[in-house]
């Protein structure tokens, strides 16, 4: 299901509050199970967008950042750093 969403990820604060935020955090533990590995940078870019623009609390922003960097024993930290660099460019 995540793969379908990532082809054109759209979100807003209402959708995040209705469960997308928690689902996003939960999905980090399953990111390696995505059959299409090319979706990893898209998912990490989506997280970068949420962290940057969402009207979430500072606590939730920190939670998402922490969970992203620590997921799968840190195996996505470098990919997340690359997503942030792409975002800033």
PDB file of N, CA and C in Angstrom:
ATOM      1  N   UNK A   1       0.812  -1.197   0.000  1.00  0.00           N
ATOM      2  CA  UNK A   1       0.000   0.000   0.000  1.00  0.00           C
ATOM      3  C   UNK A   1       0.856   1.262   0.000  1.00  0.00           C
ATOM      4  N   UNK A   2       1.938   1.240   0.762  1.00  0.00           N
ATOM      5  CA  UNK A   2       2.812   2.407   0.830  1.00  0.00           C
ATOM      6  C   UNK A   2       3.367   2.739  -0.548  1.00  0.00           C
ATOM      7  N   UNK A   3       3.716   1.718  -1.317  1.00  0.00           N
ATOM      8  CA  UNK A   3       4.266   1.955  -2.645  1.00  0.00           C
ATOM      9  C   UNK A   3       3.338   2.764  -3.521  1.00  0.00           C
ATOM     10  N   UNK A   4       2.057   2.502  -3.461  1.00  0.00           N
ATOM     11  CA  UNK A   4       1.075   3.244  -4.254  1.00  0.00           C
ATOM     12  C   UNK A   4       1.033   4.702  -3.806  1.00  0.00           C
ATOM     13  N   UNK A   5       1.014   4.937  -2.525  1.00  0.00           N
ATOM     14  CA  UNK A   5       0.982   6.296  -1.977  1.00  0.00           C
ATOM     15  C   UNK A   5       2.215   7.084  -2.408  1.00  0.00           C
ATOM     16  N   UNK A   6       3.364   6.457  -2.433  1.00  0.00           N
ATOM     17  CA  UNK A   6       4.605   7.170  -2.683  1.00  0.00           C
ATOM     18  C   UNK A   6       4.785   7.631  -4.116  1.00  0.00           C
ATOM     19  N   UNK A   7       4.017   7.105  -5.026  1.00  0.00           N
ATOM     20  CA  UNK A   7       4.161   7.562  -6.408  1.00  0.00           C
ATOM     21  C   UNK A   7       3.699   9.011  -6.566  1.00  0.00           C
ATOM     22  N   UNK A   8       2.788   9.450  -5.738  1.00  0.00           N
ATOM     23  CA  UNK A   8       2.323  10.847  -5.726  1.00  0.00           C
ATOM     24  C   UNK A   8       1.921  11.212  -4.295  1.00  0.00           C
ATOM     25  N   UNK A   9       2.906  11.306  -3.393  1.00  0.00           N
ATOM     26  CA  UNK A   9       2.538  11.549  -1.989  1.00  0.00           C
ATOM     27  C   UNK A   9       1.918  12.924  -1.785  1.00  0.00           C
ATOM     28  N   UNK A  10       0.758  12.937  -1.206  1.00  0.00           N
ATOM     29  CA  UNK A  10       0.069  14.172  -0.866  1.00  0.00           C
ATOM     30  C   UNK A  10      -0.334  14.068   0.599  1.00  0.00           C
ATOM     31  N   UNK A  11      -0.177  15.167   1.293  1.00  0.00           N
ATOM     32  CA  UNK A  11      -0.544  15.169   2.702  1.00  0.00           C
ATOM     33  C   UNK A  11      -0.916  16.586   3.104  1.00  0.00           C
ATOM     34  N   UNK A  12      -1.612  16.666   4.207  1.00  0.00           N
ATOM     35  CA  UNK A  12      -1.865  17.952   4.854  1.00  0.00           C
ATOM     36  C   UNK A  12      -1.954  17.666   6.351  1.00  0.00           C
ATOM     37  N   UNK A  13      -2.049  18.713   7.126  1.00  0.00           N
ATOM     38  CA  UNK A  13      -2.036  18.534   8.579  1.00  0.00           C
ATOM     39  C   UNK A  13      -3.220  17.703   9.076  1.00  0.00           C
ATOM     40  N   UNK A  14      -4.378  17.846   8.445  1.00  0.00           N
ATOM     41  CA  UNK A  14      -5.550  17.056   8.869  1.00  0.00           C
ATOM     42  C   UNK A  14      -5.323  15.567   8.648  1.00  0.00           C
ATOM     43  N   UNK A  15      -4.758  15.216   7.499  1.00  0.00           N
ATOM     44  CA  UNK A  15      -4.504  13.803   7.197  1.00  0.00           C
ATOM     45  C   UNK A  15      -3.432  13.254   8.140  1.00  0.00           C
ATOM     46  N   UNK A  16      -2.424  14.058   8.412  1.00  0.00           N
ATOM     47  CA  UNK A  16      -1.399  13.620   9.375  1.00  0.00           C
ATOM     48  C   UNK A  16      -2.025  13.354  10.738  1.00  0.00           C
ATOM     49  N   UNK A  17      -2.867  14.264  11.195  1.00  0.00           N
ATOM     50  CA  UNK A  17      -3.509  14.116  12.505  1.00  0.00           C
ATOM     51  C   UNK A  17      -4.474  12.939  12.540  1.00  0.00           C
ATOM     52  N   UNK A  18      -5.064  12.608  11.393  1.00  0.00           N
ATOM     53  CA  UNK A  18      -6.028  11.505  11.328  1.00  0.00           C
ATOM     54  C   UNK A  18      -5.359  10.135  11.305  1.00  0.00           C
ATOM     55  N   UNK A  19      -4.046  10.097  11.311  1.00  0.00           N
ATOM     56  CA  UNK A  19      -3.372   8.800  11.374  1.00  0.00           C
ATOM     57  C   UNK A  19      -2.169   8.642  10.466  1.00  0.00           C
ATOM     58  N   UNK A  20      -2.008   9.514   9.486  1.00  0.00           N
ATOM     59  CA  UNK A  20      -0.878   9.368   8.576  1.00  0.00           C
ATOM     60  C   UNK A  20       0.452   9.557   9.305  1.00  0.00           C
ATOM     61  N   UNK A  21       0.489  10.463  10.277  1.00  0.00           N
ATOM     62  CA  UNK A  21       1.742  10.671  11.011  1.00  0.00           C
ATOM     63  C   UNK A  21       2.169   9.383  11.709  1.00  0.00           C
ATOM     64  N   UNK A  22       1.269   8.794  12.493  1.00  0.00           N
ATOM     65  CA  UNK A  22       1.607   7.563  13.221  1.00  0.00           C
ATOM     66  C   UNK A  22       1.928   6.418  12.263  1.00  0.00           C
ATOM     67  N   UNK A  23       1.201   6.340  11.161  1.00  0.00           N
ATOM     68  CA  UNK A  23       1.472   5.299  10.162  1.00  0.00           C
ATOM     69  C   UNK A  23       2.852   5.484   9.541  1.00  0.00           C
ATOM     70  N   UNK A  24       3.236   6.730   9.334  1.00  0.00           N
ATOM     71  CA  UNK A  24       4.552   7.017   8.767  1.00  0.00           C
ATOM     72  C   UNK A  24       5.645   6.552   9.725  1.00  0.00           C
ATOM     73  N   UNK A  25       5.498   6.872  10.998  1.00  0.00           N
ATOM     74  CA  UNK A  25       6.480   6.442  11.995  1.00  0.00           C
ATOM     75  C   UNK A  25       6.525   4.911  12.042  1.00  0.00           C
ATOM     76  N   UNK A  26       5.366   4.270  12.034  1.00  0.00           N
ATOM     77  CA  UNK A  26       5.311   2.806  12.073  1.00  0.00           C
ATOM     78  C   UNK A  26       5.962   2.183  10.846  1.00  0.00           C
ATOM     79  N   UNK A  27       5.777   2.809   9.699  1.00  0.00           N
ATOM     80  CA  UNK A  27       6.301   2.258   8.448  1.00  0.00           C
ATOM     81  C   UNK A  27       7.827   2.246   8.416  1.00  0.00           C
ATOM     82  N   UNK A  28       8.450   3.109   9.176  1.00  0.00           N
ATOM     83  CA  UNK A  28       9.915   3.136   9.194  1.00  0.00           C
ATOM     84  C   UNK A  28      10.511   1.787   9.582  1.00  0.00           C
ATOM     85  N   UNK A  29       9.844   1.054  10.449  1.00  0.00           N
ATOM     86  CA  UNK A  29      10.365  -0.251  10.864  1.00  0.00           C
ATOM     87  C   UNK A  29      10.193  -1.304   9.763  1.00  0.00           C
ATOM     88  N   UNK A  30       9.395  -0.986   8.752  1.00  0.00           N
ATOM     89  CA  UNK A  30       9.148  -1.935   7.659  1.00  0.00           C
ATOM     90  C   UNK A  30       9.696  -1.436   6.319  1.00  0.00           C
ATOM     91  N   UNK A  31      10.445  -0.378   6.335  1.00  0.00           N
ATOM     92  CA  UNK A  31      10.922   0.220   5.091  1.00  0.00           C
ATOM     93  C   UNK A  31      11.738  -0.760   4.256  1.00  0.00           C
ATOM     94  N   UNK A  32      12.521  -1.589   4.899  1.00  0.00           N
ATOM     95  CA  UNK A  32      13.335  -2.561   4.171  1.00  0.00           C
ATOM     96  C   UNK A  32      12.500  -3.631   3.475  1.00  0.00           C
ATOM     97  N   UNK A  33      11.248  -3.764   3.855  1.00  0.00           N
ATOM     98  CA  UNK A  33      10.380  -4.770   3.261  1.00  0.00           C
ATOM     99  C   UNK A  33       9.719  -4.295   1.972  1.00  0.00           C
ATOM    100  N   UNK A  34       9.893  -3.026   1.619  1.00  0.00           N
ATOM    101  CA  UNK A  34       9.315  -2.531   0.365  1.00  0.00           C
ATOM    102  C   UNK A  34       9.910  -3.310  -0.801  1.00  0.00           C
ATOM    103  N   UNK A  35       9.067  -3.864  -1.661  1.00  0.00           N
ATOM    104  CA  UNK A  35       9.601  -4.645  -2.783  1.00  0.00           C
ATOM    105  C   UNK A  35      10.375  -3.776  -3.783  1.00  0.00           C
ATOM    106  N   UNK A  36      10.034  -2.517  -3.876  1.00  0.00           N
ATOM    107  CA  UNK A  36      10.705  -1.603  -4.801  1.00  0.00           C
ATOM    108  C   UNK A  36      11.621  -0.689  -4.002  1.00  0.00           C
ATOM    109  N   UNK A  37      12.904  -1.009  -3.964  1.00  0.00           N
ATOM    110  CA  UNK A  37      13.873  -0.255  -3.181  1.00  0.00           C
ATOM    111  C   UNK A  37      14.043   1.184  -3.670  1.00  0.00           C
ATOM    112  N   UNK A  38      13.643   1.467  -4.897  1.00  0.00           N
ATOM    113  CA  UNK A  38      13.747   2.840  -5.408  1.00  0.00           C
ATOM    114  C   UNK A  38      12.773   3.775  -4.711  1.00  0.00           C
ATOM    115  N   UNK A  39      11.838   3.220  -3.937  1.00  0.00           N
ATOM    116  CA  UNK A  39      10.891   4.047  -3.193  1.00  0.00           C
ATOM    117  C   UNK A  39      11.474   4.583  -1.891  1.00  0.00           C
ATOM    118  N   UNK A  40      12.590   4.033  -1.433  1.00  0.00           N
ATOM    119  CA  UNK A  40      13.205   4.511  -0.188  1.00  0.00           C
ATOM    120  C   UNK A  40      13.492   6.006  -0.234  1.00  0.00           C
ATOM    121  N   UNK A  41      14.186   6.518  -1.276  1.00  0.00           N
ATOM    122  CA  UNK A  41      14.453   7.962  -1.307  1.00  0.00           C
ATOM    123  C   UNK A  41      13.180   8.805  -1.374  1.00  0.00           C
ATOM    124  N   UNK A  42      12.142   8.281  -2.009  1.00  0.00           N
ATOM    125  CA  UNK A  42      10.875   9.009  -2.092  1.00  0.00           C
ATOM    126  C   UNK A  42      10.234   9.089  -0.714  1.00  0.00           C
ATOM    127  N   UNK A  43      10.249   7.963   0.011  1.00  0.00           N
ATOM    128  CA  UNK A  43       9.689   7.951   1.361  1.00  0.00           C
ATOM    129  C   UNK A  43      10.473   8.889   2.279  1.00  0.00           C
ATOM    130  N   UNK A  44      11.785   8.853   2.188  1.00  0.00           N
ATOM    131  CA  UNK A  44      12.610   9.724   3.017  1.00  0.00           C
ATOM    132  C   UNK A  44      12.418  11.191   2.636  1.00  0.00           C
ATOM    133  N   UNK A  45      12.170  11.461   1.368  1.00  0.00           N
ATOM    134  CA  UNK A  45      11.843  12.821   0.933  1.00  0.00           C
ATOM    135  C   UNK A  45      10.502  13.272   1.481  1.00  0.00           C
ATOM    136  N   UNK A  46       9.543  12.355   1.513  1.00  0.00           N
ATOM    137  CA  UNK A  46       8.244  12.641   2.113  1.00  0.00           C
ATOM    138  C   UNK A  46       8.415  13.017   3.581  1.00  0.00           C
ATOM    139  N   UNK A  47       9.230  12.261   4.302  1.00  0.00           N
ATOM    140  CA  UNK A  47       9.479  12.562   5.710  1.00  0.00           C
ATOM    141  C   UNK A  47      10.136  13.934   5.847  1.00  0.00           C
ATOM    142  N   UNK A  48      11.077  14.238   4.981  1.00  0.00           N
ATOM    143  CA  UNK A  48      11.730  15.547   5.005  1.00  0.00           C
ATOM    144  C   UNK A  48      10.715  16.663   4.837  1.00  0.00           C
ATOM    145  N   UNK A  49       9.773  16.473   3.940  1.00  0.00           N
ATOM    146  CA  UNK A  49       8.723  17.460   3.708  1.00  0.00           C
ATOM    147  C   UNK A  49       7.844  17.633   4.938  1.00  0.00           C
ATOM    148  N   UNK A  50       7.462  16.535   5.556  1.00  0.00           N
ATOM    149  CA  UNK A  50       6.624  16.596   6.755  1.00  0.00           C
ATOM    150  C   UNK A  50       7.376  17.302   7.885  1.00  0.00           C
ATOM    151  N   UNK A  51       8.621  16.927   8.091  1.00  0.00           N
ATOM    152  CA  UNK A  51       9.415  17.552   9.153  1.00  0.00           C
ATOM    153  C   UNK A  51       9.553  19.057   8.909  1.00  0.00           C
ATOM    154  N   UNK A  52       9.666  19.449   7.660  1.00  0.00           N
ATOM    155  CA  UNK A  52       9.906  20.853   7.318  1.00  0.00           C
ATOM    156  C   UNK A  52       8.657  21.719   7.328  1.00  0.00           C
ATOM    157  N   UNK A  53       7.527  21.174   6.905  1.00  0.00           N
ATOM    158  CA  UNK A  53       6.348  22.004   6.673  1.00  0.00           C
ATOM    159  C   UNK A  53       5.120  21.696   7.519  1.00  0.00           C
ATOM    160  N   UNK A  54       5.041  20.520   8.087  1.00  0.00           N
ATOM    161  CA  UNK A  54       3.817  20.133   8.800  1.00  0.00           C
ATOM    162  C   UNK A  54       3.631  20.948  10.074  1.00  0.00           C
ATOM    163  N   UNK A  55       2.384  21.178  10.400  1.00  0.00           N
ATOM    164  CA  UNK A  55       2.038  21.860  11.644  1.00  0.00           C
ATOM    165  C   UNK A  55       1.947  20.871  12.783  1.00  0.00           C
ATOM    166  N   UNK A  56       3.019  20.120  12.995  1.00  0.00           N
ATOM    167  CA  UNK A  56       3.051  19.130  14.069  1.00  0.00           C
ATOM    168  C   UNK A  56       3.796  19.734  15.260  1.00  0.00           C
ATOM    169  N   UNK A  57       3.618  19.123  16.402  1.00  0.00           N
ATOM    170  CA  UNK A  57       4.283  19.624  17.603  1.00  0.00           C
ATOM    171  C   UNK A  57       5.787  19.387  17.500  1.00  0.00           C
ATOM    172  N   UNK A  58       6.530  20.127  18.275  1.00  0.00           N
ATOM    173  CA  UNK A  58       7.971  19.920  18.340  1.00  0.00           C
ATOM    174  C   UNK A  58       8.311  18.506  18.796  1.00  0.00           C
ATOM    175  N   UNK A  59       7.498  17.987  19.710  1.00  0.00           N
ATOM    176  CA  UNK A  59       7.710  16.623  20.203  1.00  0.00           C
ATOM    177  C   UNK A  59       7.545  15.608  19.078  1.00  0.00           C
ATOM    178  N   UNK A  60       6.501  15.774  18.251  1.00  0.00           N
ATOM    179  CA  UNK A  60       6.289  14.861  17.126  1.00  0.00           C
ATOM    180  C   UNK A  60       7.349  15.039  16.045  1.00  0.00           C
ATOM    181  N   UNK A  61       7.784  16.264  15.842  1.00  0.00           N
ATOM    182  CA  UNK A  61       8.846  16.520  14.860  1.00  0.00           C
ATOM    183  C   UNK A  61      10.118  15.777  15.298  1.00  0.00           C
ATOM    184  N   UNK A  62      10.465  15.896  16.581  1.00  0.00           N
ATOM    185  CA  UNK A  62      11.636  15.199  17.123  1.00  0.00           C
ATOM    186  C   UNK A  62      11.454  13.689  17.035  1.00  0.00           C
ATOM    187  N   UNK A  63      10.253  13.215  17.337  1.00  0.00           N
ATOM    188  CA  UNK A  63       9.963  11.768  17.264  1.00  0.00           C
ATOM    189  C   UNK A  63      10.188  11.250  15.854  1.00  0.00           C
ATOM    190  N   UNK A  64       9.686  11.969  14.853  1.00  0.00           N
ATOM    191  CA  UNK A  64       9.842  11.534  13.471  1.00  0.00           C
ATOM    192  C   UNK A  64      11.313  11.561  13.061  1.00  0.00           C
ATOM    193  N   UNK A  65      12.029  12.597  13.435  1.00  0.00           N
ATOM    194  CA  UNK A  65      13.459  12.663  13.124  1.00  0.00           C
ATOM    195  C   UNK A  65      14.215  11.513  13.787  1.00  0.00           C
ATOM    196  N   UNK A  66      13.969  11.312  15.069  1.00  0.00           N
ATOM    197  CA  UNK A  66      14.661  10.249  15.792  1.00  0.00           C
ATOM    198  C   UNK A  66      14.365   8.883  15.190  1.00  0.00           C
ATOM    199  N   UNK A  67      13.098   8.611  14.957  1.00  0.00           N
ATOM    200  CA  UNK A  67      12.708   7.302  14.421  1.00  0.00           C
ATOM    201  C   UNK A  67      13.288   7.076  13.023  1.00  0.00           C
ATOM    202  N   UNK A  68      13.372   8.125  12.231  1.00  0.00           N
ATOM    203  CA  UNK A  68      13.922   7.996  10.886  1.00  0.00           C
ATOM    204  C   UNK A  68      15.398   7.636  10.937  1.00  0.00           C
ATOM    205  N   UNK A  69      16.137   8.311  11.778  1.00  0.00           N
ATOM    206  CA  UNK A  69      17.582   8.078  11.866  1.00  0.00           C
ATOM    207  C   UNK A  69      17.896   6.737  12.541  1.00  0.00           C
ATOM    208  N   UNK A  70      17.072   6.333  13.487  1.00  0.00           N
ATOM    209  CA  UNK A  70      17.347   5.107  14.232  1.00  0.00           C
ATOM    210  C   UNK A  70      16.739   3.848  13.615  1.00  0.00           C
ATOM    211  N   UNK A  71      15.814   4.001  12.672  1.00  0.00           N
ATOM    212  CA  UNK A  71      15.120   2.841  12.083  1.00  0.00           C
ATOM    213  C   UNK A  71      16.125   1.854  11.491  1.00  0.00           C
ATOM    214  N   UNK A  72      15.829   0.591  11.632  1.00  0.00           N
ATOM    215  CA  UNK A  72      16.669  -0.483  11.084  1.00  0.00           C
ATOM    216  C   UNK A  72      18.126  -0.314  11.499  1.00  0.00           C
ATOM    217  N   UNK A  73      18.331  -0.021  12.765  1.00  0.00           N
ATOM    218  CA  UNK A  73      19.681   0.157  13.319  1.00  0.00           C
ATOM    219  C   UNK A  73      20.477   1.232  12.585  1.00  0.00           C
ATOM    220  N   UNK A  74      19.788   2.272  12.153  1.00  0.00           N
ATOM    221  CA  UNK A  74      20.459   3.408  11.521  1.00  0.00           C
ATOM    222  C   UNK A  74      20.758   3.238  10.045  1.00  0.00           C
ATOM    223  N   UNK A  75      20.250   2.178   9.449  1.00  0.00           N
ATOM    224  CA  UNK A  75      20.595   1.909   8.047  1.00  0.00           C
ATOM    225  C   UNK A  75      20.026   2.940   7.069  1.00  0.00           C
ATOM    226  N   UNK A  76      19.067   3.754   7.506  1.00  0.00           N
ATOM    227  CA  UNK A  76      18.484   4.759   6.612  1.00  0.00           C
ATOM    228  C   UNK A  76      18.981   6.172   6.912  1.00  0.00           C
ATOM    229  N   UNK A  77      19.877   6.305   7.878  1.00  0.00           N
ATOM    230  CA  UNK A  77      20.361   7.636   8.271  1.00  0.00           C
ATOM    231  C   UNK A  77      21.059   8.346   7.115  1.00  0.00           C
ATOM    232  N   UNK A  78      21.900   7.652   6.398  1.00  0.00           N
ATOM    233  CA  UNK A  78      22.606   8.279   5.267  1.00  0.00           C
ATOM    234  C   UNK A  78      21.626   8.652   4.160  1.00  0.00           C
ATOM    235  N   UNK A  79      20.669   7.782   3.887  1.00  0.00           N
ATOM    236  CA  UNK A  79      19.658   8.087   2.875  1.00  0.00           C
ATOM    237  C   UNK A  79      18.807   9.280   3.270  1.00  0.00           C
ATOM    238  N   UNK A  80      18.517   9.398   4.558  1.00  0.00           N
ATOM    239  CA  UNK A  80      17.753  10.545   5.039  1.00  0.00           C
ATOM    240  C   UNK A  80      18.578  11.817   4.895  1.00  0.00           C
ATOM    241  N   UNK A  81      19.868  11.737   5.210  1.00  0.00           N
ATOM    242  CA  UNK A  81      20.740  12.906   5.038  1.00  0.00           C
ATOM    243  C   UNK A  81      20.778  13.333   3.566  1.00  0.00           C
ATOM    244  N   UNK A  82      20.809  12.370   2.661  1.00  0.00           N
ATOM    245  CA  UNK A  82      20.775  12.683   1.229  1.00  0.00           C
ATOM    246  C   UNK A  82      19.444  13.322   0.845  1.00  0.00           C
ATOM    247  N   UNK A  83      18.343  12.832   1.406  1.00  0.00           N
ATOM    248  CA  UNK A  83      17.027  13.411   1.125  1.00  0.00           C
ATOM    249  C   UNK A  83      16.966  14.855   1.606  1.00  0.00           C
ATOM    250  N   UNK A  84      17.541  15.130   2.767  1.00  0.00           N
ATOM    251  CA  UNK A  84      17.570  16.489   3.298  1.00  0.00           C
ATOM    252  C   UNK A  84      18.413  17.384   2.390  1.00  0.00           C
ATOM    253  N   UNK A  85      19.551  16.878   1.934  1.00  0.00           N
ATOM    254  CA  UNK A  85      20.409  17.657   1.028  1.00  0.00           C
ATOM    255  C   UNK A  85      19.679  17.974  -0.272  1.00  0.00           C
ATOM    256  N   UNK A  86      18.964  16.976  -0.833  1.00  0.00           N
ATOM    257  CA  UNK A  86      18.171  17.223  -2.067  1.00  0.00           C
ATOM    258  C   UNK A  86      17.120  18.277  -1.809  1.00  0.00           C
ATOM    259  N   UNK A  87      16.473  18.184  -0.670  1.00  0.00           N
ATOM    260  CA  UNK A  87      15.432  19.126  -0.303  1.00  0.00           C
ATOM    261  C   UNK A  87      15.993  20.544  -0.210  1.00  0.00           C
ATOM    262  N   UNK A  88      17.147  20.683   0.386  1.00  0.00           N
ATOM    263  CA  UNK A  88      17.753  22.006   0.573  1.00  0.00           C
ATOM    264  C   UNK A  88      18.272  22.601  -0.737  1.00  0.00           C
ATOM    265  N   UNK A  89      18.646  21.733  -1.668  1.00  0.00           N
ATOM    266  CA  UNK A  89      19.098  22.228  -2.974  1.00  0.00           C
ATOM    267  C   UNK A  89      17.936  22.819  -3.721  1.00  0.00           C
TER     268      UNK A  89
END
